[in-house]
Amino acid sequence: MFKNLSYKTQRKVIIIAFSIIPVALLFTFAYLPVFNMFKYSFTDWNGYSKHYDYVGFENYKTIFTDPKYFTVFKVSLYYFLGSFVQLGLALYFATILSFKVRFKNFFKGVLFFPYLLNGVAIGFIFLFFFRPDGTLDTLMQFIGLGDYTQGWLLNPKIINISLAGASLWRYMGFNFIIFLGAISSIGKDVYEAADIDGANRWHQFRHIILPSIKSIVQLNLILAISGAISAFDIPYIMTGGSNGSNTFVIQTVTTAFKYNKLGLASAMAVVLLFIVIIVTLLQKLLIKEEK
């Protein structure tokens, strides 16, 4: 069958034949669900009925006007502010370990190890850590701060700070490795020239390291924004969204599968999708301007 075809035609036929199944799978499990999500976001579908009514933009109006749904954005601020602390610590440790330090490889492993753990495991670890008379309370009593122990996951005023702290511990290793790789790409001759000029470590960080990794800092900051909006696994495992710890993704899942409001949940998913797209475009714009 292929003997009468030219080499270029045979090559095109082979490429198309091998691409049909991957493209079909991509369309079925990626693009089609997204299309249906957009369609359902304009309906009152409950998730199992064969019939549903189109309600226009009512679901989107509910998201941005009903305090039950809109206030979950405030919870994301805790994770967003925690991201600045996370980035600061990651940059600090990456800078320190980029110089000659004893047991440098050991400390690298210690800092990166939490990122390798499963989110469910980390959730249970911090449940024990924050529970009354748990690890944190025991440690505070040992150092003489027993009077300041709190219901870390019971007090609505501090529960999101506790959860953001757990997320900080888990994801700092990821930012640390990215910063460390960026700093390691700086040539040693630059440091040698700075040493000759009498620059100390602070001057080297301020005038060499920070300007050299500026684009990486911007990238991690933008990733932190999208991560703060999409926080899910740790707060869901530890609190299930109770006591004012409901994040946007938890609220979406609860709306869909607990209250059977698939139309409203689809609208929330669309809002999250647009936020991620905007953050991605902003990231590309900043990197383009930097270049």
Protein backbone atom coordinates (compact mmCIF):
# COMPACT_ATOMS: atom_id res chain seq x y z
CA MET A 1 0.00 0.00 0.00
CA PHE A 2 2.89 2.38 0.80
CA LYS A 3 5.02 1.42 -2.24
CA ASN A 4 3.26 3.85 -4.57
CA LEU A 5 3.60 6.76 -2.13
CA SER A 6 6.53 9.13 -1.91
CA TYR A 7 8.77 9.21 1.14
CA LYS A 8 7.27 12.49 2.41
CA THR A 9 3.73 11.16 2.01
CA GLN A 10 4.61 7.93 3.80
CA ARG A 11 6.16 9.94 6.63
CA LYS A 12 3.03 12.08 6.99
CA VAL A 13 0.78 9.00 7.01
CA ILE A 14 2.89 7.35 9.72
CA ILE A 15 2.90 10.52 11.85
CA ILE A 16 -0.87 10.91 11.54
CA ALA A 17 -1.47 7.21 12.31
CA PHE A 18 0.60 7.34 15.48
CA SER A 19 -0.93 10.68 16.52
CA ILE A 20 -4.60 9.70 16.22
CA ILE A 21 -4.82 7.84 19.54
CA PRO A 22 -2.91 10.43 21.68
CA VAL A 23 -4.90 13.29 20.14
CA ALA A 24 -8.17 11.40 20.70
CA LEU A 25 -7.25 10.75 24.34
CA LEU A 26 -6.21 14.38 24.81
CA PHE A 27 -9.48 15.63 23.35
CA THR A 28 -11.60 13.13 25.35
CA PHE A 29 -9.99 13.63 28.76
CA ALA A 30 -8.79 17.24 28.53
CA TYR A 31 -10.54 19.50 26.03
CA LEU A 32 -14.00 17.90 26.15
CA PRO A 33 -14.29 18.14 29.97
CA VAL A 34 -13.20 21.79 29.83
CA PHE A 35 -15.82 22.50 27.16
CA ASN A 36 -18.50 20.78 29.27
CA MET A 37 -17.34 22.71 32.33
CA PHE A 38 -17.95 25.99 30.50
CA LYS A 39 -21.35 24.74 29.35
CA TYR A 40 -22.46 23.55 32.79
CA SER A 41 -21.31 26.80 34.42
CA PHE A 42 -24.30 28.52 32.79
CA THR A 43 -26.80 25.93 34.08
CA ASP A 44 -28.35 24.76 37.35
CA TRP A 45 -27.33 21.10 36.74
CA ASN A 46 -27.25 18.97 39.88
CA GLY A 47 -24.79 16.41 38.51
CA TYR A 48 -27.08 13.46 37.86
CA SER A 49 -30.32 14.73 36.31
CA LYS A 50 -30.75 14.41 32.54
CA HIS A 51 -32.44 17.80 32.41
CA TYR A 52 -31.14 21.20 33.47
CA ASP A 53 -32.01 24.83 32.85
CA TYR A 54 -29.75 27.56 31.56
CA VAL A 55 -29.43 30.37 34.10
CA GLY A 56 -27.03 32.65 32.25
CA PHE A 57 -24.49 34.41 34.47
CA GLU A 58 -26.36 33.75 37.73
CA ASN A 59 -23.71 31.30 38.96
CA TYR A 60 -20.93 33.82 38.38
CA LYS A 61 -22.99 36.51 40.08
CA THR A 62 -23.42 34.22 43.09
CA ILE A 63 -19.66 33.61 43.32
CA PHE A 64 -18.82 37.32 43.55
CA THR A 65 -21.80 38.53 45.59
CA ASP A 66 -22.68 35.74 48.03
CA PRO A 67 -20.38 36.01 51.10
CA LYS A 68 -20.44 32.23 51.47
CA TYR A 69 -18.48 31.90 48.23
CA PHE A 70 -16.67 35.22 47.95
CA THR A 71 -15.10 35.21 51.42
CA VAL A 72 -13.04 32.11 50.58
CA PHE A 73 -10.77 34.43 48.61
CA LYS A 74 -9.77 36.01 51.94
CA VAL A 75 -8.42 32.65 53.11
CA SER A 76 -6.10 32.64 50.10
CA LEU A 77 -4.45 35.79 51.48
CA TYR A 78 -2.97 33.76 54.34
CA TYR A 79 -1.32 31.39 51.88
CA PHE A 80 -0.23 34.30 49.69
CA LEU A 81 1.43 36.13 52.60
CA GLY A 82 2.92 32.83 53.74
CA SER A 83 4.43 32.50 50.28
CA PHE A 84 6.52 35.62 50.86
CA VAL A 85 7.92 34.09 54.05
CA GLN A 86 8.47 30.83 52.18
CA LEU A 87 10.33 32.56 49.32
CA GLY A 88 12.41 34.59 51.78
CA LEU A 89 13.50 31.51 53.71
CA ALA A 90 14.15 29.52 50.53
CA LEU A 91 16.30 32.33 49.11
CA TYR A 92 18.15 32.70 52.41
CA PHE A 93 19.03 29.00 52.68
CA ALA A 94 19.86 28.75 48.98
CA THR A 95 22.27 31.67 49.32
CA ILE A 96 23.92 30.28 52.44
CA LEU A 97 24.33 26.79 50.95
CA SER A 98 25.71 28.15 47.69
CA PHE A 99 28.92 29.03 49.59
CA LYS A 100 31.27 26.65 51.36
CA VAL A 101 29.41 25.28 54.37
CA ARG A 102 30.07 22.15 56.39
CA PHE A 103 27.54 19.34 55.80
CA LYS A 104 26.16 21.32 52.86
CA ASN A 105 24.71 18.27 51.08
CA PHE A 106 23.07 17.08 54.29
CA PHE A 107 21.27 20.40 54.78
CA LYS A 108 20.20 20.40 51.14
CA GLY A 109 18.54 17.03 51.65
CA VAL A 110 16.87 18.15 54.88
CA LEU A 111 15.37 21.22 53.21
CA PHE A 112 14.20 19.44 50.06
CA PHE A 113 12.89 16.26 51.74
CA PRO A 114 9.45 17.66 52.81
CA TYR A 115 8.59 18.39 49.16
CA LEU A 116 9.00 14.68 48.36
CA LEU A 117 6.40 13.63 50.94
CA ASN A 118 2.80 12.97 50.02
CA GLY A 119 0.37 15.75 50.89
CA VAL A 120 -1.88 13.35 52.82
CA ALA A 121 1.05 12.19 54.95
CA ILE A 122 2.03 15.78 55.69
CA GLY A 123 -1.57 16.55 56.66
CA PHE A 124 -1.58 13.76 59.26
CA ILE A 125 1.88 14.75 60.51
CA PHE A 126 0.72 18.30 61.21
CA LEU A 127 -2.55 17.10 62.70
CA PHE A 128 -0.46 15.45 65.40
CA PHE A 129 1.86 18.48 65.54
CA PHE A 130 -0.95 21.00 66.14
CA ARG A 131 -3.32 18.94 68.27
CA PRO A 132 -3.80 19.85 71.97
CA ASP A 133 -0.84 18.55 74.01
CA GLY A 134 0.77 17.57 70.72
CA THR A 135 4.29 18.20 69.50
CA LEU A 136 4.06 21.99 69.29
CA ASP A 137 2.45 22.40 72.73
CA THR A 138 5.01 20.03 74.28
CA LEU A 139 7.87 21.96 72.71
CA MET A 140 6.49 25.31 73.89
CA GLN A 141 6.07 23.98 77.45
CA PHE A 142 9.65 22.66 77.36
CA ILE A 143 11.08 26.10 76.52
CA GLY A 144 8.87 27.89 79.04
CA LEU A 145 6.16 29.20 76.69
CA GLY A 146 3.38 26.92 77.90
CA ASP A 147 1.11 29.89 78.68
CA TYR A 148 1.00 30.76 74.97
CA THR A 149 -0.31 27.42 73.74
CA GLN A 150 -3.42 27.72 71.59
CA GLY A 151 -6.05 25.59 69.93
CA TRP A 152 -4.06 25.86 66.73
CA LEU A 153 -6.73 24.19 64.59
CA LEU A 154 -9.72 25.14 66.74
CA ASN A 155 -9.37 28.92 66.90
CA PRO A 156 -10.73 30.57 63.71
CA LYS A 157 -8.37 33.51 64.24
CA ILE A 158 -5.19 31.45 63.89
CA ILE A 159 -6.26 28.30 62.08
CA ASN A 160 -5.30 29.64 58.65
CA ILE A 161 -1.93 30.79 59.97
CA SER A 162 -1.30 27.23 61.19
CA LEU A 163 -2.34 25.72 57.86
CA ALA A 164 -0.27 28.22 55.90
CA GLY A 165 2.69 27.30 58.10
CA ALA A 166 2.27 23.64 57.22
CA SER A 167 2.15 24.53 53.51
CA LEU A 168 5.26 26.70 53.96
CA TRP A 169 7.16 23.73 55.44
CA ARG A 170 6.12 21.46 52.61
CA TYR A 171 6.78 23.68 49.57
CA MET A 172 9.84 25.64 50.71
CA GLY A 173 12.10 22.84 49.42
CA PHE A 174 10.76 23.34 45.89
CA ASN A 175 11.61 27.05 45.87
CA PHE A 176 14.91 26.30 47.59
CA ILE A 177 16.04 23.96 44.81
CA ILE A 178 15.03 26.43 42.10
CA PHE A 179 16.91 29.27 43.80
CA LEU A 180 19.92 27.07 44.46
CA GLY A 181 20.09 26.00 40.81
CA ALA A 182 19.87 29.61 39.66
CA ILE A 183 22.57 30.77 42.08
CA SER A 184 24.83 27.86 41.11
CA SER A 185 24.76 29.06 37.49
CA ILE A 186 26.64 32.23 38.47
CA GLY A 187 30.30 31.92 37.48
CA LYS A 188 32.89 31.53 40.23
CA ASP A 189 35.08 34.16 38.61
CA VAL A 190 32.46 36.77 39.51
CA TYR A 191 32.76 35.88 43.21
CA GLU A 192 36.55 35.86 42.95
CA ALA A 193 36.52 39.35 41.47
CA ALA A 194 34.17 40.50 44.25
CA ASP A 195 36.50 39.03 46.90
CA ILE A 196 39.42 40.90 45.39
CA ASP A 197 37.41 44.14 45.57
CA GLY A 198 36.69 43.45 49.26
CA ALA A 199 32.98 42.66 48.97
CA ASN A 200 31.52 40.70 51.87
CA ARG A 201 28.76 38.10 51.62
CA TRP A 202 26.00 40.68 51.95
CA HIS A 203 27.43 42.78 49.13
CA GLN A 204 27.79 39.67 46.96
CA PHE A 205 24.16 38.77 47.61
CA ARG A 206 22.89 42.29 46.95
CA HIS A 207 24.94 43.15 43.88
CA ILE A 208 25.64 39.76 42.29
CA ILE A 209 23.18 37.06 43.35
CA LEU A 210 19.92 39.01 43.54
CA PRO A 211 20.27 40.81 40.16
CA SER A 212 21.32 37.53 38.51
CA ILE A 213 18.26 35.59 39.67
CA LYS A 214 15.72 38.40 39.44
CA SER A 215 13.66 36.59 36.77
CA ILE A 216 13.61 33.41 38.91
CA VAL A 217 12.35 35.39 41.91
CA GLN A 218 9.58 36.85 39.75
CA LEU A 219 8.69 33.39 38.45
CA ASN A 220 8.44 31.91 41.95
CA LEU A 221 6.37 34.87 43.13
CA ILE A 222 3.83 34.38 40.34
CA LEU A 223 3.71 30.63 41.00
CA ALA A 224 3.04 31.49 44.65
CA ILE A 225 -0.01 33.52 43.62
CA SER A 226 -1.56 30.63 41.69
CA GLY A 227 -0.61 28.21 44.48
CA ALA A 228 -2.29 30.39 47.10
CA ILE A 229 -5.54 30.39 45.13
CA SER A 230 -5.47 26.63 44.51
CA ALA A 231 -4.53 25.45 48.04
CA PHE A 232 -6.37 22.21 48.72
CA ASP A 233 -4.71 19.06 50.03
CA ILE A 234 -3.30 20.16 53.40
CA PRO A 235 -6.34 22.21 54.60
CA TYR A 236 -8.72 19.54 53.31
CA ILE A 237 -6.92 16.72 55.11
CA MET A 238 -6.38 18.65 58.33
CA THR A 239 -9.67 20.52 58.77
CA GLY A 240 -11.96 19.73 55.84
CA GLY A 241 -12.54 23.47 55.51
CA SER A 242 -14.05 23.91 58.98
CA ASN A 243 -13.52 26.82 61.41
CA GLY A 244 -13.09 29.35 58.62
CA SER A 245 -10.36 27.42 56.74
CA ASN A 246 -12.40 26.86 53.58
CA THR A 247 -10.26 27.53 50.52
CA PHE A 248 -11.58 28.21 47.02
CA VAL A 249 -10.87 24.68 45.79
CA ILE A 250 -12.39 23.05 48.89
CA GLN A 251 -15.51 25.19 48.45
CA THR A 252 -15.69 24.10 44.81
CA VAL A 253 -15.43 20.40 45.67
CA THR A 254 -17.97 20.74 48.50
CA THR A 255 -20.41 22.61 46.27
CA ALA A 256 -20.16 19.94 43.58
CA PHE A 257 -20.20 16.68 45.54
CA LYS A 258 -21.84 17.57 48.87
CA TYR A 259 -24.55 19.97 47.74
CA ASN A 260 -24.89 18.62 44.16
CA LYS A 261 -24.58 22.06 42.60
CA LEU A 262 -22.48 21.07 39.60
CA GLY A 263 -23.45 24.18 37.65
CA LEU A 264 -22.23 26.52 40.37
CA ALA A 265 -19.14 24.41 40.99
CA SER A 266 -18.32 24.50 37.27
CA ALA A 267 -18.54 28.29 37.35
CA MET A 268 -16.12 28.34 40.29
CA ALA A 269 -13.76 26.08 38.35
CA VAL A 270 -13.95 28.45 35.38
CA VAL A 271 -13.07 31.40 37.62
CA LEU A 272 -10.06 29.47 38.96
CA LEU A 273 -9.04 28.58 35.41
CA PHE A 274 -9.12 32.22 34.35
CA ILE A 275 -7.07 33.24 37.40
CA VAL A 276 -4.41 30.67 36.48
CA ILE A 277 -4.43 31.85 32.85
CA ILE A 278 -4.03 35.49 33.90
CA VAL A 279 -1.18 34.57 36.24
CA THR A 280 0.51 32.57 33.45
CA LEU A 281 0.19 35.45 30.97
CA LEU A 282 1.56 37.84 33.58
CA GLN A 283 4.49 35.52 34.14
CA LYS A 284 5.28 35.39 30.40
CA LEU A 285 4.92 39.17 30.13
CA LEU A 286 7.36 39.82 32.98
CA ILE A 287 9.90 37.34 31.62
CA LYS A 288 9.58 38.87 28.14
CA GLU A 289 10.14 42.37 29.50
CA GLU A 290 13.14 41.13 31.48
CA LYS A 291 14.69 39.72 28.30
